[in-house]
Amino acid sequence: MKFNIQDRIVLDEMVDTFTNEMLKQHAEYDKQDKKPIITATYWLHMIQEVQHKIDLHTTKKALKQSKLTR
């Protein structure tokens, strides 16, 4: 199964929202001088891995559209 353009829009939005919220949370941790259980660097690496796997299962047309809009 390959993700089409509509699937890809939803997946991109989910990944972007998660990334933004994670970065906000880690900024809050920094302000409060707290240590997160999982570091932002690790999360960003995992997000990159997930994005790569999503790319592999996306149609060429949907991948091209995703790259234009992101």
Protein backbone atom coordinates (compact mmCIF):
# COMPACT_ATOMS: atom_id res chain seq x y z
CA MET A 1 0.00 0.00 0.00
CA LYS A 2 1.24 3.46 -0.91
CA PHE A 3 0.14 6.74 0.64
CA ASN A 4 -1.63 9.08 -1.79
CA ILE A 5 -1.68 12.89 -1.66
CA GLN A 6 -4.57 13.05 0.82
CA ASP A 7 -2.91 10.51 3.13
CA ARG A 8 0.35 12.37 2.89
CA ILE A 9 -1.19 15.72 3.82
CA VAL A 10 -2.54 14.19 7.04
CA LEU A 11 0.73 12.42 7.83
CA ASP A 12 2.79 15.57 7.20
CA GLU A 13 0.49 17.56 9.47
CA MET A 14 0.78 14.94 12.21
CA VAL A 15 4.58 14.81 12.03
CA ASP A 16 4.89 18.62 11.94
CA THR A 17 2.48 19.07 14.87
CA PHE A 18 4.28 16.45 16.95
CA THR A 19 7.65 18.03 16.19
CA ASN A 20 6.46 21.53 17.12
CA GLU A 21 4.84 20.36 20.36
CA MET A 22 7.91 18.36 21.32
CA LEU A 23 10.15 21.40 20.76
CA LYS A 24 7.80 23.59 22.84
CA GLN A 25 7.83 21.03 25.64
CA HIS A 26 11.62 20.85 25.63
CA ALA A 27 11.83 24.66 25.69
CA GLU A 28 9.61 24.56 28.80
CA TYR A 29 11.88 21.96 30.36
CA ASP A 30 14.85 24.25 29.74
CA LYS A 31 13.06 27.20 31.36
CA GLN A 32 12.18 25.08 34.39
CA ASP A 33 15.68 23.57 34.50
CA LYS A 34 14.20 20.07 34.17
CA LYS A 35 15.69 17.08 32.41
CA PRO A 36 13.39 15.34 29.93
CA ILE A 37 13.23 11.55 29.94
CA ILE A 38 13.79 11.54 26.17
CA THR A 39 16.04 14.23 24.72
CA ALA A 40 15.01 16.49 21.86
CA THR A 41 17.96 15.19 19.83
CA TYR A 42 16.69 11.63 20.15
CA TRP A 43 13.12 12.68 19.26
CA LEU A 44 14.36 14.55 16.18
CA HIS A 45 16.31 11.48 15.08
CA MET A 46 13.24 9.26 15.51
CA ILE A 47 11.06 11.76 13.65
CA GLN A 48 13.56 11.72 10.80
CA GLU A 49 13.43 7.89 10.73
CA VAL A 50 9.62 7.89 10.69
CA GLN A 51 9.61 10.51 7.93
CA HIS A 52 11.97 8.35 5.86
CA LYS A 53 9.69 5.31 6.27
CA ILE A 54 6.64 7.40 5.31
CA ASP A 55 8.53 8.62 2.22
CA LEU A 56 9.25 5.04 1.19
CA HIS A 57 5.53 4.22 1.30
CA THR A 58 4.33 7.32 -0.55
CA THR A 59 3.47 7.55 -4.24
CA LYS A 60 5.89 9.62 -6.32
CA LYS A 61 3.17 12.16 -7.07
CA ALA A 62 2.27 12.54 -3.38
CA LEU A 63 5.94 12.79 -2.37
CA LYS A 64 6.53 15.53 -4.94
CA GLN A 65 3.46 17.43 -3.69
CA SER A 66 4.59 17.03 -0.08
CA LYS A 67 8.02 18.46 -0.82
CA LEU A 68 6.45 21.46 -2.59
CA THR A 69 4.17 22.32 0.35
CA ARG A 70 6.53 21.71 3.25
